[in-house]
Each structure stands twice: as structure tokens, then as C-alpha cells.
Amino acid sequence: MSDIKIKITDREGISHEVDAPTDMNMNLMEVVRAYELAPEGTIGICGGMAMCASCQCYVQSNHHLPEKSDDEEAMLSEAFNLKENSRLGCQLNISDVMDGLEVELAPAE
């Protein structure tokens, strides 16, 4: 099993350094849920289909991440609290290149 470290700042402003497995086909939203870093029912409402933006996060570190898909771009264009560094956690599959990634969860509203 291969794990990477990710720093996630929750919606209360508390920073958490977590281990994320690269061999389980998980995405960032699922990691947040697994560590219960957001109240149940407030993240990943659509189940990771890029249809709700409840898993929006702000990428704080300078990582080369995959380009946004058309679905992700479309959903973010309708999201509240959008920033230039906004991404949907459900669209960021955990991989080795994400080691040391730093993200902040966007507000729930």
C-alpha cells in the first residue's frame, strides 16, 4: 500500500495532515469523508458525479493537477464562493503526484 500526505484545512479553519492511499482509486472528496473533515451530508452530496460542488476546495499548493474536465468547469461556473484555484474534490483522483498537496475546503453554502 502506498500513501501520500495531504494537508486539508476544514471549514472551521483547522488544518489536518492526512494519509491518502494511492492504490484504492479514491478521490479527494472521499478522503475528506473518510477522515470526517466535514459534517456528514455537507460534502459529496451528488456522490462524486461533478453535479453539486459541495466538495469544492481551494488548492493552496503549487501542484500540477489534471486539467479540469468540461463537467467540472460547468459545475464550478455555477458554484458559490468560486476562486481562481477552485477545484472539485471528487474530480481529483489521489495519485503519487499529489504528495504534499494543500487544500482548503470551500464554505458549505
N, C-alpha and C. Protein backbone atom coordinates (compact mmCIF):
# COMPACT_ATOMS: atom_id res chain seq x y z
N MET A 1 0.85 -1.18 0.00
CA MET A 1 0.00 0.00 0.00
C MET A 1 0.89 1.24 0.00
N SER A 2 0.55 2.20 -0.83
CA SER A 2 1.33 3.42 -0.96
C SER A 2 0.47 4.62 -0.54
N ASP A 3 0.91 5.33 0.47
CA ASP A 3 0.18 6.50 0.95
C ASP A 3 0.95 7.77 0.66
N ILE A 4 0.22 8.86 0.47
CA ILE A 4 0.82 10.18 0.35
C ILE A 4 0.26 11.04 1.47
N LYS A 5 0.91 12.16 1.73
CA LYS A 5 0.44 13.11 2.74
C LYS A 5 -0.30 14.25 2.04
N ILE A 6 -1.45 14.61 2.58
CA ILE A 6 -2.22 15.75 2.08
C ILE A 6 -2.62 16.59 3.28
N LYS A 7 -2.49 17.90 3.15
CA LYS A 7 -2.88 18.83 4.20
C LYS A 7 -4.23 19.43 3.80
N ILE A 8 -5.24 19.20 4.64
CA ILE A 8 -6.60 19.68 4.36
C ILE A 8 -7.02 20.62 5.47
N THR A 9 -7.38 21.85 5.11
CA THR A 9 -7.93 22.79 6.07
C THR A 9 -9.45 22.70 5.99
N ASP A 10 -10.07 22.35 7.12
CA ASP A 10 -11.52 22.16 7.12
C ASP A 10 -12.24 23.51 7.14
N ARG A 11 -13.56 23.46 7.16
CA ARG A 11 -14.37 24.68 7.09
C ARG A 11 -14.34 25.50 8.36
N GLU A 12 -13.75 24.95 9.42
CA GLU A 12 -13.58 25.68 10.68
C GLU A 12 -12.19 26.34 10.74
N GLY A 13 -11.38 26.13 9.70
CA GLY A 13 -10.04 26.70 9.65
C GLY A 13 -8.98 25.83 10.31
N ILE A 14 -9.34 24.60 10.68
CA ILE A 14 -8.40 23.69 11.33
C ILE A 14 -7.69 22.85 10.27
N SER A 15 -6.36 22.80 10.36
CA SER A 15 -5.55 22.08 9.40
C SER A 15 -5.34 20.64 9.86
N HIS A 16 -5.45 19.71 8.92
CA HIS A 16 -5.27 18.28 9.19
C HIS A 16 -4.30 17.72 8.16
N GLU A 17 -3.25 17.02 8.62
CA GLU A 17 -2.39 16.30 7.69
C GLU A 17 -2.82 14.85 7.72
N VAL A 18 -3.24 14.36 6.57
CA VAL A 18 -3.79 13.01 6.49
C VAL A 18 -2.99 12.15 5.51
N ASP A 19 -3.09 10.85 5.72
CA ASP A 19 -2.52 9.88 4.78
C ASP A 19 -3.61 9.51 3.79
N ALA A 20 -3.28 9.55 2.51
CA ALA A 20 -4.24 9.19 1.46
C ALA A 20 -3.64 8.07 0.62
N PRO A 21 -4.36 6.96 0.47
CA PRO A 21 -3.84 5.84 -0.30
C PRO A 21 -3.91 6.11 -1.81
N THR A 22 -2.82 5.76 -2.49
CA THR A 22 -2.80 5.93 -3.94
C THR A 22 -3.26 4.67 -4.68
N ASP A 23 -3.47 3.59 -3.93
CA ASP A 23 -3.78 2.31 -4.58
C ASP A 23 -5.23 1.87 -4.38
N MET A 24 -6.10 2.81 -3.98
CA MET A 24 -7.51 2.43 -3.74
C MET A 24 -8.49 3.17 -4.65
N ASN A 25 -7.97 3.87 -5.67
CA ASN A 25 -8.81 4.59 -6.63
C ASN A 25 -9.76 5.57 -5.93
N MET A 26 -9.24 6.27 -4.91
CA MET A 26 -10.03 7.26 -4.18
C MET A 26 -9.81 8.65 -4.78
N ASN A 27 -10.78 9.54 -4.53
CA ASN A 27 -10.58 10.93 -4.89
C ASN A 27 -10.52 11.77 -3.61
N LEU A 28 -10.21 13.04 -3.77
CA LEU A 28 -10.02 13.90 -2.61
C LEU A 28 -11.29 14.01 -1.77
N MET A 29 -12.45 14.09 -2.40
CA MET A 29 -13.72 14.15 -1.66
C MET A 29 -13.89 12.93 -0.77
N GLU A 30 -13.54 11.76 -1.27
CA GLU A 30 -13.68 10.53 -0.49
C GLU A 30 -12.71 10.52 0.69
N VAL A 31 -11.52 11.09 0.50
CA VAL A 31 -10.56 11.19 1.61
C VAL A 31 -11.13 12.10 2.70
N VAL A 32 -11.70 13.23 2.31
CA VAL A 32 -12.31 14.15 3.29
C VAL A 32 -13.41 13.44 4.05
N ARG A 33 -14.23 12.68 3.36
CA ARG A 33 -15.31 11.93 4.01
C ARG A 33 -14.77 10.85 4.94
N ALA A 34 -13.73 10.14 4.48
CA ALA A 34 -13.16 9.05 5.28
C ALA A 34 -12.60 9.57 6.61
N TYR A 35 -12.02 10.75 6.60
CA TYR A 35 -11.46 11.34 7.82
C TYR A 35 -12.47 12.22 8.57
N GLU A 36 -13.71 12.27 8.05
CA GLU A 36 -14.80 13.04 8.67
C GLU A 36 -14.38 14.49 8.93
N LEU A 37 -13.82 15.13 7.88
CA LEU A 37 -13.36 16.51 7.99
C LEU A 37 -14.44 17.53 7.63
N ALA A 38 -15.61 17.04 7.29
CA ALA A 38 -16.78 17.89 7.05
C ALA A 38 -17.99 17.15 7.60
N PRO A 39 -18.96 17.87 8.17
CA PRO A 39 -20.15 17.20 8.70
C PRO A 39 -20.83 16.33 7.64
N GLU A 40 -21.29 15.17 8.06
CA GLU A 40 -21.98 14.25 7.14
C GLU A 40 -23.12 14.97 6.45
N GLY A 41 -23.25 14.73 5.16
CA GLY A 41 -24.31 15.35 4.38
C GLY A 41 -23.97 16.73 3.85
N THR A 42 -22.72 17.19 4.07
CA THR A 42 -22.34 18.52 3.57
C THR A 42 -21.26 18.45 2.49
N ILE A 43 -20.78 17.27 2.20
CA ILE A 43 -19.75 17.13 1.16
C ILE A 43 -20.02 15.87 0.36
N GLY A 44 -19.90 16.00 -0.97
CA GLY A 44 -20.13 14.85 -1.84
C GLY A 44 -21.59 14.47 -1.92
N ILE A 45 -22.46 15.45 -1.90
CA ILE A 45 -23.90 15.20 -1.91
C ILE A 45 -24.34 14.43 -3.16
N CYS A 46 -23.70 14.72 -4.30
CA CYS A 46 -24.09 14.05 -5.55
C CYS A 46 -23.39 12.70 -5.72
N GLY A 47 -22.54 12.34 -4.76
CA GLY A 47 -21.84 11.06 -4.83
C GLY A 47 -20.58 11.09 -5.69
N GLY A 48 -20.12 12.27 -6.02
CA GLY A 48 -18.88 12.37 -6.78
C GLY A 48 -19.07 12.44 -8.28
N MET A 49 -20.21 12.94 -8.71
CA MET A 49 -20.53 12.99 -10.14
C MET A 49 -20.30 14.37 -10.77
N ALA A 50 -19.66 15.29 -10.04
CA ALA A 50 -19.42 16.67 -10.52
C ALA A 50 -20.74 17.37 -10.82
N MET A 51 -21.74 17.15 -9.94
CA MET A 51 -23.06 17.73 -10.17
C MET A 51 -23.55 18.64 -9.05
N CYS A 52 -22.73 18.88 -7.99
CA CYS A 52 -23.26 19.68 -6.89
C CYS A 52 -22.30 20.71 -6.31
N ALA A 53 -21.02 20.57 -6.51
CA ALA A 53 -19.98 21.48 -5.99
C ALA A 53 -19.88 21.50 -4.46
N SER A 54 -20.49 20.54 -3.77
CA SER A 54 -20.38 20.52 -2.31
C SER A 54 -18.97 20.14 -1.86
N CYS A 55 -18.17 19.60 -2.76
CA CYS A 55 -16.79 19.21 -2.42
C CYS A 55 -15.77 20.22 -2.95
N GLN A 56 -16.25 21.41 -3.30
CA GLN A 56 -15.33 22.43 -3.81
C GLN A 56 -14.23 22.72 -2.79
N CYS A 57 -13.02 22.84 -3.29
CA CYS A 57 -11.90 23.17 -2.42
C CYS A 57 -10.99 24.14 -3.17
N TYR A 58 -10.12 24.78 -2.39
CA TYR A 58 -9.16 25.71 -2.95
C TYR A 58 -7.78 25.08 -2.85
N VAL A 59 -7.12 24.91 -3.98
CA VAL A 59 -5.78 24.31 -4.00
C VAL A 59 -4.78 25.39 -3.58
N GLN A 60 -4.12 25.18 -2.45
CA GLN A 60 -3.20 26.17 -1.88
C GLN A 60 -1.76 25.94 -2.31
N SER A 61 -1.41 24.72 -2.67
CA SER A 61 -0.02 24.40 -3.03
C SER A 61 0.14 24.47 -4.55
N ASN A 62 1.38 24.45 -4.96
CA ASN A 62 1.70 24.59 -6.38
C ASN A 62 1.94 23.21 -7.00
N HIS A 63 0.86 22.42 -7.10
CA HIS A 63 0.95 21.09 -7.69
C HIS A 63 0.42 21.10 -9.11
N HIS A 64 1.01 20.30 -9.96
CA HIS A 64 0.49 20.12 -11.32
C HIS A 64 -0.62 19.08 -11.24
N LEU A 65 -1.85 19.53 -11.31
CA LEU A 65 -3.00 18.63 -11.22
C LEU A 65 -3.60 18.43 -12.62
N PRO A 66 -4.36 17.38 -12.81
CA PRO A 66 -5.00 17.18 -14.11
C PRO A 66 -5.88 18.37 -14.46
N GLU A 67 -5.99 18.64 -15.74
CA GLU A 67 -6.86 19.72 -16.22
C GLU A 67 -8.31 19.45 -15.81
N LYS A 68 -9.06 20.52 -15.66
CA LYS A 68 -10.49 20.38 -15.34
C LYS A 68 -11.22 19.81 -16.55
N SER A 69 -12.11 18.88 -16.28
CA SER A 69 -12.96 18.35 -17.35
C SER A 69 -14.05 19.37 -17.67
N ASP A 70 -14.74 19.16 -18.77
CA ASP A 70 -15.85 20.06 -19.13
C ASP A 70 -16.92 20.04 -18.04
N ASP A 71 -17.20 18.86 -17.47
CA ASP A 71 -18.21 18.74 -16.41
C ASP A 71 -17.79 19.53 -15.17
N GLU A 72 -16.52 19.45 -14.81
CA GLU A 72 -16.03 20.18 -13.64
C GLU A 72 -16.10 21.69 -13.90
N GLU A 73 -15.67 22.13 -15.07
CA GLU A 73 -15.74 23.56 -15.43
C GLU A 73 -17.18 24.06 -15.35
N ALA A 74 -18.11 23.28 -15.89
CA ALA A 74 -19.52 23.68 -15.90
C ALA A 74 -20.07 23.81 -14.48
N MET A 75 -19.74 22.84 -13.62
CA MET A 75 -20.25 22.88 -12.25
C MET A 75 -19.62 24.04 -11.49
N LEU A 76 -18.34 24.25 -11.64
CA LEU A 76 -17.69 25.36 -10.94
C LEU A 76 -18.23 26.71 -11.40
N SER A 77 -18.65 26.81 -12.66
CA SER A 77 -19.18 28.08 -13.16
C SER A 77 -20.48 28.47 -12.46
N GLU A 78 -21.14 27.48 -11.83
CA GLU A 78 -22.39 27.74 -11.11
C GLU A 78 -22.20 27.75 -9.59
N ALA A 79 -20.98 27.49 -9.12
CA ALA A 79 -20.72 27.35 -7.69
C ALA A 79 -20.61 28.70 -7.01
N PHE A 80 -20.97 28.72 -5.72
CA PHE A 80 -20.77 29.90 -4.88
C PHE A 80 -19.32 29.90 -4.38
N ASN A 81 -18.84 31.04 -3.94
CA ASN A 81 -17.50 31.18 -3.34
C ASN A 81 -16.39 30.70 -4.26
N LEU A 82 -16.59 30.87 -5.57
CA LEU A 82 -15.61 30.43 -6.55
C LEU A 82 -14.35 31.29 -6.49
N LYS A 83 -13.20 30.64 -6.57
CA LYS A 83 -11.90 31.32 -6.65
C LYS A 83 -11.13 30.77 -7.84
N GLU A 84 -10.07 31.45 -8.20
CA GLU A 84 -9.25 31.01 -9.33
C GLU A 84 -8.67 29.61 -9.10
N ASN A 85 -8.41 29.27 -7.85
CA ASN A 85 -7.81 27.97 -7.52
C ASN A 85 -8.85 26.93 -7.08
N SER A 86 -10.12 27.16 -7.39
CA SER A 86 -11.18 26.21 -7.03
C SER A 86 -11.09 24.94 -7.87
N ARG A 87 -11.31 23.82 -7.21
CA ARG A 87 -11.44 22.52 -7.86
C ARG A 87 -12.52 21.73 -7.14
N LEU A 88 -13.06 20.74 -7.81
CA LEU A 88 -13.99 19.81 -7.17
C LEU A 88 -13.18 18.62 -6.67
N GLY A 89 -13.27 18.35 -5.37
CA GLY A 89 -12.52 17.25 -4.79
C GLY A 89 -12.84 15.91 -5.41
N CYS A 90 -14.08 15.74 -5.86
CA CYS A 90 -14.48 14.47 -6.46
C CYS A 90 -13.80 14.22 -7.80
N GLN A 91 -13.23 15.24 -8.39
CA GLN A 91 -12.58 15.11 -9.69
C GLN A 91 -11.06 15.00 -9.58
N LEU A 92 -10.55 15.00 -8.34
CA LEU A 92 -9.11 14.90 -8.13
C LEU A 92 -8.78 13.51 -7.57
N ASN A 93 -8.43 12.59 -8.46
CA ASN A 93 -8.09 11.23 -8.05
C ASN A 93 -6.72 11.22 -7.38
N ILE A 94 -6.64 10.55 -6.25
CA ILE A 94 -5.40 10.50 -5.47
C ILE A 94 -4.32 9.76 -6.25
N SER A 95 -3.17 10.42 -6.41
CA SER A 95 -2.03 9.80 -7.09
C SER A 95 -0.74 10.30 -6.46
N ASP A 96 0.36 9.65 -6.81
CA ASP A 96 1.67 10.00 -6.24
C ASP A 96 2.03 11.47 -6.45
N VAL A 97 1.62 12.06 -7.57
CA VAL A 97 1.99 13.45 -7.86
C VAL A 97 1.33 14.44 -6.90
N MET A 98 0.36 13.97 -6.12
CA MET A 98 -0.35 14.83 -5.17
C MET A 98 0.29 14.84 -3.78
N ASP A 99 1.42 14.14 -3.61
CA ASP A 99 2.07 14.11 -2.30
C ASP A 99 2.41 15.54 -1.87
N GLY A 100 1.99 15.91 -0.67
CA GLY A 100 2.22 17.25 -0.14
C GLY A 100 1.17 18.27 -0.56
N LEU A 101 0.14 17.84 -1.26
CA LEU A 101 -0.93 18.75 -1.68
C LEU A 101 -1.54 19.44 -0.48
N GLU A 102 -1.86 20.73 -0.63
CA GLU A 102 -2.52 21.51 0.41
C GLU A 102 -3.79 22.10 -0.16
N VAL A 103 -4.92 21.82 0.48
CA VAL A 103 -6.21 22.33 0.05
C VAL A 103 -6.99 22.88 1.24
N GLU A 104 -7.91 23.75 0.94
CA GLU A 104 -8.84 24.29 1.93
C GLU A 104 -10.25 24.02 1.42
N LEU A 105 -11.11 23.50 2.27
CA LEU A 105 -12.49 23.25 1.87
C LEU A 105 -13.23 24.57 1.73
N ALA A 106 -13.98 24.71 0.66
CA ALA A 106 -14.79 25.91 0.44
C ALA A 106 -15.96 25.91 1.42
N PRO A 107 -16.50 27.09 1.75
CA PRO A 107 -17.67 27.14 2.64
C PRO A 107 -18.82 26.27 2.12
N ALA A 108 -19.63 25.79 3.02
CA ALA A 108 -20.72 24.86 2.66
C ALA A 108 -21.85 25.53 1.89
N GLU A 109 -22.05 26.82 2.05
CA GLU A 109 -23.18 27.45 1.36
C GLU A 109 -22.88 27.82 -0.06
